[in-house]
C-alpha atoms as a PDB file:
ATOM      1  CA  MET A   1     -11.915  78.673 -29.932  1.00  0.00           C
ATOM      2  CA  LYS A   2     -11.745  75.471 -31.996  1.00  0.00           C
ATOM      3  CA  ASN A   3     -13.687  72.535 -30.550  1.00  0.00           C
ATOM      4  CA  LYS A   4     -11.564  69.737 -29.127  1.00  0.00           C
ATOM      5  CA  LEU A   5     -11.115  66.882 -31.592  1.00  0.00           C
ATOM      6  CA  SER A   6      -8.807  63.951 -30.881  1.00  0.00           C
ATOM      7  CA  LEU A   7      -7.428  61.770 -33.648  1.00  0.00           C
ATOM      8  CA  VAL A   8      -6.922  58.390 -31.987  1.00  0.00           C
ATOM      9  CA  ILE A   9      -4.817  55.929 -33.963  1.00  0.00           C
ATOM     10  CA  ASP A  10      -4.478  52.179 -33.581  1.00  0.00           C
ATOM     11  CA  GLY A  11      -0.724  52.062 -34.154  1.00  0.00           C
ATOM     12  CA  ASN A  12      -0.595  48.308 -34.731  1.00  0.00           C
ATOM     13  CA  TYR A  13      -3.285  48.483 -37.390  1.00  0.00           C
ATOM     14  CA  LEU A  14      -1.568  51.357 -39.177  1.00  0.00           C
ATOM     15  CA  MET A  15       1.823  49.619 -39.087  1.00  0.00           C
ATOM     16  CA  PHE A  16       0.474  46.303 -40.392  1.00  0.00           C
ATOM     17  CA  GLN A  17      -1.566  48.067 -43.070  1.00  0.00           C
ATOM     18  CA  SER A  18       1.468  50.107 -44.110  1.00  0.00           C
ATOM     19  CA  PHE A  19       3.785  47.103 -44.274  1.00  0.00           C
ATOM     20  CA  TYR A  20       1.507  44.760 -46.197  1.00  0.00           C
ATOM     21  CA  ALA A  21       0.442  47.465 -48.650  1.00  0.00           C
ATOM     22  CA  THR A  22       3.805  47.037 -50.397  1.00  0.00           C
ATOM     23  CA  TYR A  23       4.927  43.561 -49.257  1.00  0.00           C
ATOM     24  CA  ARG A  24       4.081  40.899 -51.814  1.00  0.00           C
ATOM     25  CA  GLY A  25       5.811  37.908 -50.286  1.00  0.00           C
ATOM     26  CA  ASP A  26       9.362  38.706 -51.366  1.00  0.00           C
ATOM     27  CA  ILE A  27      11.020  40.423 -48.416  1.00  0.00           C
ATOM     28  CA  ASP A  28      13.995  41.450 -50.559  1.00  0.00           C
ATOM     29  CA  LYS A  29      11.775  43.724 -52.640  1.00  0.00           C
ATOM     30  CA  ILE A  30      10.412  45.961 -49.892  1.00  0.00           C
ATOM     31  CA  MET A  31      11.602  49.550 -49.612  1.00  0.00           C
ATOM     32  CA  ARG A  32      14.876  49.929 -47.694  1.00  0.00           C
ATOM     33  CA  SER A  33      17.474  52.597 -47.079  1.00  0.00           C
ATOM     34  CA  SER A  34      20.863  52.295 -48.772  1.00  0.00           C
ATOM     35  CA  LYS A  35      22.093  50.780 -45.480  1.00  0.00           C
ATOM     36  CA  GLY A  36      19.547  47.979 -45.817  1.00  0.00           C
ATOM     37  CA  VAL A  37      17.167  49.207 -43.109  1.00  0.00           C
ATOM     38  CA  PRO A  38      13.535  48.337 -44.014  1.00  0.00           C
ATOM     39  CA  THR A  39      11.443  51.490 -44.354  1.00  0.00           C
ATOM     40  CA  ASN A  40       8.318  50.550 -46.339  1.00  0.00           C
ATOM     41  CA  ALA A  41       6.016  50.566 -43.295  1.00  0.00           C
ATOM     42  CA  LEU A  42       7.624  53.682 -41.810  1.00  0.00           C
ATOM     43  CA  SER A  43       7.079  55.659 -44.989  1.00  0.00           C
ATOM     44  CA  LEU A  44       3.427  54.749 -45.446  1.00  0.00           C
ATOM     45  CA  PHE A  45       2.667  55.068 -41.709  1.00  0.00           C
ATOM     46  CA  LEU A  46       3.908  58.652 -41.679  1.00  0.00           C
ATOM     47  CA  PHE A  47       2.261  59.563 -44.980  1.00  0.00           C
ATOM     48  CA  GLN A  48      -1.052  58.173 -43.721  1.00  0.00           C
ATOM     49  CA  LEU A  49      -0.636  60.034 -40.445  1.00  0.00           C
ATOM     50  CA  LEU A  50      -0.087  63.285 -42.339  1.00  0.00           C
ATOM     51  CA  LYS A  51      -3.100  62.591 -44.537  1.00  0.00           C
ATOM     52  CA  LEU A  52      -5.272  62.060 -41.462  1.00  0.00           C
ATOM     53  CA  LEU A  53      -3.930  65.212 -39.794  1.00  0.00           C
ATOM     54  CA  ASN A  54      -4.640  67.288 -42.883  1.00  0.00           C
ATOM     55  CA  TYR A  55      -8.086  65.790 -43.421  1.00  0.00           C
ATOM     56  CA  PHE A  56      -9.483  65.953 -39.874  1.00  0.00           C
ATOM     57  CA  GLU A  57      -7.415  68.858 -38.511  1.00  0.00           C
ATOM     58  CA  PRO A  58      -7.482  67.479 -34.948  1.00  0.00           C
ATOM     59  CA  THR A  59      -6.585  69.523 -31.914  1.00  0.00           C
ATOM     60  CA  HIS A  60      -5.158  66.458 -30.146  1.00  0.00           C
ATOM     61  CA  LEU A  61      -3.415  63.228 -31.176  1.00  0.00           C
ATOM     62  CA  PHE A  62      -2.949  59.873 -29.461  1.00  0.00           C
ATOM     63  CA  VAL A  63      -1.386  56.681 -30.845  1.00  0.00           C
ATOM     64  CA  ALA A  64      -1.864  53.329 -29.087  1.00  0.00           C
ATOM     65  CA  PHE A  65       0.182  50.167 -29.597  1.00  0.00           C
ATOM     66  CA  ASP A  66      -0.208  46.585 -28.426  1.00  0.00           C
ATOM     67  CA  SER A  67       2.359  45.465 -25.886  1.00  0.00           C
ATOM     68  CA  TYR A  68       4.894  42.835 -26.933  1.00  0.00           C
ATOM     69  CA  SER A  69       4.036  40.857 -23.805  1.00  0.00           C
ATOM     70  CA  LYS A  70       0.995  38.651 -23.415  1.00  0.00           C
ATOM     71  CA  THR A  71      -2.202  40.482 -22.545  1.00  0.00           C
ATOM     72  CA  LYS A  72      -4.722  39.976 -19.778  1.00  0.00           C
ATOM     73  CA  ARG A  73      -6.906  38.203 -22.346  1.00  0.00           C
ATOM     74  CA  HIS A  74      -4.114  35.681 -22.956  1.00  0.00           C
ATOM     75  CA  GLU A  75      -4.155  34.957 -19.229  1.00  0.00           C
ATOM     76  CA  LEU A  76      -7.842  34.086 -19.530  1.00  0.00           C
ATOM     77  CA  TYR A  77      -7.530  32.208 -22.800  1.00  0.00           C
ATOM     78  CA  GLU A  78      -4.162  30.821 -23.839  1.00  0.00           C
ATOM     79  CA  GLU A  79      -5.265  30.369 -27.461  1.00  0.00           C
ATOM     80  CA  TYR A  80      -6.307  34.021 -27.807  1.00  0.00           C
ATOM     81  CA  LYS A  81      -5.260  35.275 -31.278  1.00  0.00           C
ATOM     82  CA  SER A  82      -3.332  32.061 -31.937  1.00  0.00           C
ATOM     83  CA  GLY A  83      -3.263  30.868 -35.521  1.00  0.00           C
ATOM     84  CA  ARG A  84      -2.289  34.240 -36.959  1.00  0.00           C
ATOM     85  CA  ALA A  85       0.532  34.073 -39.482  1.00  0.00           C
ATOM     86  CA  LYS A  86       3.867  35.255 -38.094  1.00  0.00           C
ATOM     87  CA  ALA A  87       4.885  38.605 -39.537  1.00  0.00           C
ATOM     88  CA  PRO A  88       8.390  39.049 -40.985  1.00  0.00           C
ATOM     89  CA  ASN A  89      11.117  40.400 -38.720  1.00  0.00           C
ATOM     90  CA  GLU A  90      11.367  43.411 -41.027  1.00  0.00           C
ATOM     91  CA  LEU A  91       7.985  44.575 -39.760  1.00  0.00           C
ATOM     92  CA  TRP A  92       8.909  44.255 -36.077  1.00  0.00           C
ATOM     93  CA  GLU A  93      12.159  46.100 -36.739  1.00  0.00           C
ATOM     94  CA  GLN A  94      10.093  48.998 -38.087  1.00  0.00           C
ATOM     95  CA  PHE A  95       7.824  48.955 -35.034  1.00  0.00           C
ATOM     96  CA  LYS A  96      10.848  49.913 -32.939  1.00  0.00           C
ATOM     97  CA  LEU A  97      11.827  52.619 -35.408  1.00  0.00           C
ATOM     98  CA  ILE A  98       8.360  54.181 -35.705  1.00  0.00           C
ATOM     99  CA  LYS A  99       8.137  54.537 -31.926  1.00  0.00           C
ATOM    100  CA  GLU A 100      11.513  56.256 -31.898  1.00  0.00           C
ATOM    101  CA  ILE A 101      10.348  58.577 -34.675  1.00  0.00           C
ATOM    102  CA  LEU A 102       7.091  59.367 -32.876  1.00  0.00           C
ATOM    103  CA  SER A 103       9.036  60.175 -29.714  1.00  0.00           C
ATOM    104  CA  LYS A 104      11.252  62.583 -31.637  1.00  0.00           C
ATOM    105  CA  LEU A 105       8.165  64.156 -33.212  1.00  0.00           C
ATOM    106  CA  LYS A 106       6.745  64.551 -29.694  1.00  0.00           C
ATOM    107  CA  VAL A 107       3.692  62.471 -30.550  1.00  0.00           C
ATOM    108  CA  ASN A 108       2.127  61.055 -27.392  1.00  0.00           C
ATOM    109  CA  TYR A 109       1.927  57.288 -27.861  1.00  0.00           C
ATOM    110  CA  LEU A 110       1.510  54.475 -25.369  1.00  0.00           C
ATOM    111  CA  GLU A 111       1.928  50.738 -24.994  1.00  0.00           C
ATOM    112  CA  ASN A 112       1.401  49.015 -21.684  1.00  0.00           C
ATOM    113  CA  PRO A 113       2.246  45.418 -20.674  1.00  0.00           C
ATOM    114  CA  GLY A 114      -0.917  43.370 -20.331  1.00  0.00           C
ATOM    115  CA  ASP A 115      -3.130  45.759 -22.261  1.00  0.00           C
ATOM    116  CA  GLU A 116      -4.031  45.860 -25.930  1.00  0.00           C
ATOM    117  CA  ALA A 117      -4.155  49.014 -28.018  1.00  0.00           C
ATOM    118  CA  ASP A 118      -7.953  48.612 -27.953  1.00  0.00           C
ATOM    119  CA  ASP A 119      -8.026  49.043 -24.174  1.00  0.00           C
ATOM    120  CA  LEU A 120      -5.795  52.113 -24.299  1.00  0.00           C
ATOM    121  CA  ILE A 121      -8.051  53.610 -26.956  1.00  0.00           C
ATOM    122  CA  ALA A 122     -11.164  52.718 -24.944  1.00  0.00           C
ATOM    123  CA  THR A 123      -9.747  54.445 -21.870  1.00  0.00           C
ATOM    124  CA  TYR A 124      -8.737  57.532 -23.846  1.00  0.00           C
ATOM    125  CA  CYS A 125     -12.129  57.845 -25.519  1.00  0.00           C
ATOM    126  CA  SER A 126     -14.056  57.396 -22.268  1.00  0.00           C
ATOM    127  CA  LYS A 127     -11.878  59.673 -20.118  1.00  0.00           C
ATOM    128  CA  ILE A 128     -10.682  62.491 -22.378  1.00  0.00           C
ATOM    129  CA  ASP A 129     -13.002  65.412 -23.149  1.00  0.00           C
ATOM    130  CA  GLY A 130     -14.091  66.427 -26.624  1.00  0.00           C
ATOM    131  CA  GLU A 131     -14.858  64.568 -29.818  1.00  0.00           C
ATOM    132  CA  LYS A 132     -12.788  61.570 -30.873  1.00  0.00           C
ATOM    133  CA  VAL A 133     -12.251  59.904 -34.252  1.00  0.00           C
ATOM    134  CA  ILE A 134     -10.619  56.466 -34.190  1.00  0.00           C
ATOM    135  CA  PHE A 135      -8.502  55.137 -37.048  1.00  0.00           C
ATOM    136  CA  SER A 136      -8.654  51.338 -36.958  1.00  0.00           C
ATOM    137  CA  ARG A 137     -10.279  48.323 -38.598  1.00  0.00           C
ATOM    138  CA  ASP A 138     -10.663  46.464 -35.301  1.00  0.00           C
ATOM    139  CA  LYS A 139     -14.360  45.698 -34.920  1.00  0.00           C
ATOM    140  CA  ASP A 140     -14.078  45.598 -31.113  1.00  0.00           C
ATOM    141  CA  LEU A 141     -13.595  49.373 -31.168  1.00  0.00           C
ATOM    142  CA  LEU A 142     -17.060  49.844 -32.674  1.00  0.00           C
ATOM    143  CA  GLN A 143     -18.487  49.423 -29.167  1.00  0.00           C
ATOM    144  CA  LEU A 144     -17.004  52.847 -28.350  1.00  0.00           C
ATOM    145  CA  VAL A 145     -19.149  54.720 -30.869  1.00  0.00           C
ATOM    146  CA  ASN A 146     -21.369  57.303 -29.184  1.00  0.00           C
ATOM    147  CA  SER A 147     -22.341  60.942 -29.573  1.00  0.00           C
ATOM    148  CA  ASN A 148     -18.694  61.987 -29.060  1.00  0.00           C
ATOM    149  CA  THR A 149     -16.797  59.094 -30.652  1.00  0.00           C
ATOM    150  CA  SER A 150     -16.718  57.910 -34.263  1.00  0.00           C
ATOM    151  CA  VAL A 151     -14.691  55.326 -36.174  1.00  0.00           C
ATOM    152  CA  ILE A 152     -12.979  56.242 -39.429  1.00  0.00           C
ATOM    153  CA  GLU A 153     -13.774  54.080 -42.452  1.00  0.00           C
ATOM    154  CA  LYS A 154     -11.074  54.376 -45.109  1.00  0.00           C
ATOM    155  CA  SER A 155     -12.042  54.202 -48.768  1.00  0.00           C
ATOM    156  CA  ASP A 156      -9.658  54.334 -51.722  1.00  0.00           C
ATOM    157  CA  TRP A 157      -9.576  58.124 -51.861  1.00  0.00           C
ATOM    158  CA  ASP A 158     -11.455  59.443 -48.865  1.00  0.00           C
ATOM    159  CA  TYR A 159     -12.609  58.838 -45.313  1.00  0.00           C
ATOM    160  CA  GLU A 160     -16.082  58.248 -43.934  1.00  0.00           C
ATOM    161  CA  LEU A 161     -17.197  58.193 -40.325  1.00  0.00           C
ATOM    162  CA  ILE A 162     -19.164  55.472 -38.592  1.00  0.00           C
ATOM    163  CA  ASP A 163     -21.055  57.480 -35.993  1.00  0.00           C
ATOM    164  CA  ILE A 164     -24.028  57.118 -33.702  1.00  0.00           C
ATOM    165  CA  ASP A 165     -26.412  58.292 -36.436  1.00  0.00           C
ATOM    166  CA  ASN A 166     -25.478  55.760 -39.111  1.00  0.00           C
ATOM    167  CA  PHE A 167     -24.280  52.864 -36.945  1.00  0.00           C
ATOM    168  CA  VAL A 168     -27.455  50.762 -37.013  1.00  0.00           C
ATOM    169  CA  ASP A 169     -27.810  51.282 -40.765  1.00  0.00           C
ATOM    170  CA  ASN A 170     -24.287  49.921 -41.225  1.00  0.00           C
ATOM    171  CA  TYR A 171     -24.265  47.071 -38.713  1.00  0.00           C
ATOM    172  CA  GLY A 172     -27.871  46.260 -37.832  1.00  0.00           C
ATOM    173  CA  ILE A 173     -27.179  46.519 -34.097  1.00  0.00           C
ATOM    174  CA  THR A 174     -26.168  49.249 -31.644  1.00  0.00           C
ATOM    175  CA  PRO A 175     -22.566  49.915 -30.487  1.00  0.00           C
ATOM    176  CA  ASN A 176     -23.123  48.493 -27.004  1.00  0.00           C
ATOM    177  CA  GLN A 177     -24.277  45.214 -28.586  1.00  0.00           C
ATOM    178  CA  ILE A 178     -20.904  44.544 -30.226  1.00  0.00           C
ATOM    179  CA  PRO A 179     -19.680  42.319 -27.334  1.00  0.00           C
ATOM    180  CA  ASP A 180     -22.980  40.391 -27.440  1.00  0.00           C
ATOM    181  CA  TYR A 181     -22.579  39.995 -31.189  1.00  0.00           C
ATOM    182  CA  LYS A 182     -19.022  38.713 -30.739  1.00  0.00           C
ATOM    183  CA  GLY A 183     -20.316  36.300 -28.118  1.00  0.00           C
ATOM    184  CA  LEU A 184     -22.686  34.782 -30.661  1.00  0.00           C
ATOM    185  CA  ARG A 185     -20.691  35.160 -33.857  1.00  0.00           C
ATOM    186  CA  GLY A 186     -17.201  34.747 -32.479  1.00  0.00           C
ATOM    187  CA  ASP A 187     -14.162  36.277 -34.144  1.00  0.00           C
ATOM    188  CA  SER A 188     -11.821  34.142 -36.206  1.00  0.00           C
ATOM    189  CA  SER A 189      -9.097  36.811 -36.095  1.00  0.00           C
ATOM    190  CA  ASP A 190      -8.977  36.468 -32.293  1.00  0.00           C
ATOM    191  CA  ASN A 191      -9.523  32.682 -32.410  1.00  0.00           C
ATOM    192  CA  LEU A 192     -12.888  33.009 -30.641  1.00  0.00           C
ATOM    193  CA  LYS A 193     -15.516  30.557 -31.851  1.00  0.00           C
ATOM    194  CA  GLY A 194     -18.655  32.051 -30.257  1.00  0.00           C
ATOM    195  CA  VAL A 195     -21.640  29.794 -30.936  1.00  0.00           C
ATOM    196  CA  LYS A 196     -20.849  27.318 -33.682  1.00  0.00           C
ATOM    197  CA  GLY A 197     -23.295  27.599 -36.556  1.00  0.00           C
ATOM    198  CA  ILE A 198     -24.521  31.113 -35.709  1.00  0.00           C
ATOM    199  CA  GLY A 199     -23.750  33.509 -38.555  1.00  0.00           C
ATOM    200  CA  ASP A 200     -24.068  37.252 -39.004  1.00  0.00           C
ATOM    201  CA  LYS A 201     -27.741  37.346 -39.940  1.00  0.00           C
ATOM    202  CA  THR A 202     -28.863  35.065 -37.111  1.00  0.00           C
ATOM    203  CA  ALA A 203     -26.753  36.904 -34.521  1.00  0.00           C
ATOM    204  CA  ILE A 204     -28.179  40.272 -35.580  1.00  0.00           C
ATOM    205  CA  LYS A 205     -31.744  38.920 -35.675  1.00  0.00           C
ATOM    206  CA  LEU A 206     -31.422  37.474 -32.160  1.00  0.00           C
ATOM    207  CA  LEU A 207     -29.959  40.696 -30.752  1.00  0.00           C
ATOM    208  CA  ASN A 208     -32.628  42.812 -32.413  1.00  0.00           C
ATOM    209  CA  GLU A 209     -35.241  40.772 -30.586  1.00  0.00           C
ATOM    210  CA  PHE A 210     -33.543  40.015 -27.258  1.00  0.00           C
ATOM    211  CA  THR A 211     -31.058  42.945 -27.001  1.00  0.00           C
ATOM    212  CA  THR A 212     -28.417  41.187 -24.867  1.00  0.00           C
ATOM    213  CA  LEU A 213     -26.854  37.749 -24.611  1.00  0.00           C
ATOM    214  CA  GLU A 214     -28.148  37.448 -21.045  1.00  0.00           C
ATOM    215  CA  ASN A 215     -31.734  38.189 -22.060  1.00  0.00           C
ATOM    216  CA  LEU A 216     -31.476  35.790 -24.984  1.00  0.00           C
ATOM    217  CA  TYR A 217     -30.461  32.909 -22.735  1.00  0.00           C
ATOM    218  CA  GLU A 218     -33.220  33.776 -20.284  1.00  0.00           C
ATOM    219  CA  ASN A 219     -35.734  33.384 -23.107  1.00  0.00           C
ATOM    220  CA  LEU A 220     -34.470  30.299 -24.925  1.00  0.00           C
ATOM    221  CA  GLU A 221     -37.960  28.819 -24.964  1.00  0.00           C
ATOM    222  CA  SER A 222     -39.290  31.688 -27.053  1.00  0.00           C
ATOM    223  CA  LYS A 223     -41.242  30.471 -30.082  1.00  0.00           C
ATOM    224  CA  SER A 224     -39.268  32.841 -32.284  1.00  0.00           C
ATOM    225  CA  ILE A 225     -36.121  30.727 -31.726  1.00  0.00           C
ATOM    226  CA  THR A 226     -35.972  27.647 -33.926  1.00  0.00           C
ATOM    227  CA  ASN A 227     -35.042  24.292 -32.444  1.00  0.00           C
ATOM    228  CA  SER A 228     -31.839  24.257 -34.482  1.00  0.00           C
ATOM    229  CA  VAL A 229     -30.715  27.653 -33.191  1.00  0.00           C
ATOM    230  CA  ARG A 230     -31.814  26.812 -29.638  1.00  0.00           C
ATOM    231  CA  ASN A 231     -29.718  23.642 -29.616  1.00  0.00           C
ATOM    232  CA  LYS A 232     -26.666  25.522 -30.887  1.00  0.00           C
ATOM    233  CA  LEU A 233     -27.092  28.149 -28.183  1.00  0.00           C
ATOM    234  CA  ILE A 234     -27.420  25.524 -25.452  1.00  0.00           C
ATOM    235  CA  LEU A 235     -24.405  23.581 -26.670  1.00  0.00           C
ATOM    236  CA  ASP A 236     -22.083  26.623 -26.781  1.00  0.00           C
ATOM    237  CA  LYS A 237     -23.466  28.688 -23.916  1.00  0.00           C
ATOM    238  CA  ASP A 238     -20.154  28.835 -22.037  1.00  0.00           C
ATOM    239  CA  SER A 239     -18.314  29.844 -25.191  1.00  0.00           C
ATOM    240  CA  ALA A 240     -20.828  32.601 -25.934  1.00  0.00           C
ATOM    241  CA  PHE A 241     -20.471  34.273 -22.541  1.00  0.00           C
ATOM    242  CA  PHE A 242     -16.710  33.794 -22.510  1.00  0.00           C
ATOM    243  CA  CYS A 243     -16.331  35.396 -25.952  1.00  0.00           C
ATOM    244  CA  LYS A 244     -18.519  38.302 -24.862  1.00  0.00           C
ATOM    245  CA  GLN A 245     -16.351  38.770 -21.776  1.00  0.00           C
ATOM    246  CA  LEU A 246     -13.184  38.903 -23.882  1.00  0.00           C
ATOM    247  CA  ALA A 247     -14.759  41.378 -26.323  1.00  0.00           C
ATOM    248  CA  ILE A 248     -15.590  43.977 -23.658  1.00  0.00           C
ATOM    249  CA  LEU A 249     -12.907  46.639 -23.713  1.00  0.00           C
ATOM    250  CA  ASN A 250     -11.203  47.885 -20.565  1.00  0.00           C
ATOM    251  CA  LYS A 251     -11.888  51.604 -20.089  1.00  0.00           C
ATOM    252  CA  GLU A 252      -9.870  51.838 -16.883  1.00  0.00           C
ATOM    253  CA  VAL A 253      -6.218  51.481 -17.917  1.00  0.00           C
ATOM    254  CA  ASP A 254      -4.614  53.418 -15.090  1.00  0.00           C
ATOM    255  CA  VAL A 255      -1.306  54.319 -16.770  1.00  0.00           C
ATOM    256  CA  LEU A 256      -2.912  56.597 -19.344  1.00  0.00           C
ATOM    257  CA  ASN A 257      -2.217  60.296 -18.827  1.00  0.00           C
ATOM    258  CA  LEU A 258      -5.655  61.904 -18.431  1.00  0.00           C
ATOM    259  CA  ASP A 259      -4.422  65.457 -18.958  1.00  0.00           C
ATOM    260  CA  ILE A 260      -5.734  66.387 -22.405  1.00  0.00           C
ATOM    261  CA  ASN A 261      -2.982  68.982 -22.771  1.00  0.00           C
ATOM    262  CA  ALA A 262      -0.458  66.144 -23.052  1.00  0.00           C
ATOM    263  CA  TYR A 263      -1.964  65.288 -26.441  1.00  0.00           C
ATOM    264  CA  ASP A 264      -2.156  68.816 -27.844  1.00  0.00           C
ATOM    265  CA  ILE A 265      -1.319  68.852 -31.545  1.00  0.00           C
ATOM    266  CA  ASN A 266       0.743  71.996 -31.055  1.00  0.00           C
ATOM    267  CA  LEU A 267       3.307  69.990 -29.088  1.00  0.00           C
ATOM    268  CA  LEU A 268       4.377  68.204 -32.260  1.00  0.00           C
ATOM    269  CA  ASP A 269       7.688  69.322 -33.707  1.00  0.00           C
ATOM    270  CA  PRO A 270       9.483  67.593 -36.613  1.00  0.00           C
ATOM    271  CA  SER A 271      12.862  69.242 -35.953  1.00  0.00           C
ATOM    272  CA  GLU A 272      14.234  66.511 -33.658  1.00  0.00           C
ATOM    273  CA  ALA A 273      13.149  63.769 -36.078  1.00  0.00           C
ATOM    274  CA  GLU A 274      14.774  65.382 -39.112  1.00  0.00           C
ATOM    275  CA  GLU A 275      18.195  63.753 -38.655  1.00  0.00           C
ATOM    276  CA  MET A 276      16.724  60.275 -38.146  1.00  0.00           C
ATOM    277  CA  LEU A 277      14.402  60.598 -41.130  1.00  0.00           C
ATOM    278  CA  ASP A 278      17.311  61.791 -43.242  1.00  0.00           C
ATOM    279  CA  ASP A 279      19.416  58.831 -42.116  1.00  0.00           C
ATOM    280  CA  LEU A 280      16.554  56.504 -43.094  1.00  0.00           C
ATOM    281  CA  GLU A 281      16.359  58.362 -46.434  1.00  0.00           C
ATOM    282  CA  LEU A 282      12.729  59.330 -45.831  1.00  0.00           C
ATOM    283  CA  ARG A 283      13.343  62.815 -47.132  1.00  0.00           C
ATOM    284  CA  LYS A 284       9.957  63.248 -48.793  1.00  0.00           C
ATOM    285  CA  VAL A 285       8.275  62.354 -45.496  1.00  0.00           C
ATOM    286  CA  SER A 286      10.462  64.894 -43.713  1.00  0.00           C
ATOM    287  CA  GLU A 287       9.579  67.538 -46.298  1.00  0.00           C
ATOM    288  CA  TYR A 288       5.845  66.939 -45.933  1.00  0.00           C
ATOM    289  CA  LEU A 289       6.118  66.978 -42.139  1.00  0.00           C
ATOM    290  CA  GLU A 290       7.790  70.371 -42.314  1.00  0.00           C
ATOM    291  CA  GLU A 291       5.069  71.665 -44.631  1.00  0.00           C
ATOM    292  CA  TRP A 292       2.368  70.407 -42.261  1.00  0.00           C
ATOM    293  CA  TYR A 293       4.158  71.916 -39.255  1.00  0.00           C
ATOM    294  CA  ASP A 294       4.537  75.272 -41.002  1.00  0.00           C
ATOM    295  CA  SER A 295       0.814  75.319 -41.812  1.00  0.00           C
ATOM    296  CA  LEU A 296       0.075  74.631 -38.140  1.00  0.00           C
ATOM    297  CA  GLN A 297       1.920  77.775 -37.147  1.00  0.00           C
ATOM    298  CA  LEU A 298      -0.199  80.029 -39.380  1.00  0.00           C
END
């Protein structure tokens, strides 16, 4: 029997990546159907999904999306993720369409008010048996890497895995130190400042010596900490611990279906999506889906 392998996809990342891969600032030039419906993100999303399915040959599939509503992190910090450029309406229109397509394909996806895709992925990876490979560029998800969970790194022509064996070589710290790192370094994409003046090298050096943010602050008088760094840490102590708190993913989202059979790859069926894909004039996508489905039946 084939070992259980879940392909876990950050749906928001894949949609944004797919949209901006062909959007160059002129919204009138993106791919559309003859009815004017934008389809550039839909097409690339589904092609990338098929590429991942063919490459990893997973036994299970789960796609997670951010909720449109504010998250629990917004309740803690109103400025969370503020400052990001507003995406065109044509992207959000395709978000609705891709979810409809996934439903017709019988792909198990989830969005939940108050939770981010990261938290859904964290819950899936911690609760569902078997190996998991995560497709995302969100650095918060690196904290999930362990003996059963890896993160997919996409190159121009191939995929590589960030796993427990090569993690330290790639990042200089361990997966469970990612929240501590974010506490020190902050994250401009989430509008989290961390400790002002602490960069990558200093954050990694401090964590290599003191392991956790808590232990670092308990040993601020250590001779290995320069006066300049010490003063920065003292000044932004509250920010450091707050940013760490926000970076820790929730592994207890209670709406997630914990029955692994609900994510079985054999549940997928392109037949119900065929009419919609044809209407959107994504015929090549439909053709490739059929080819993939036929190969699954062999």
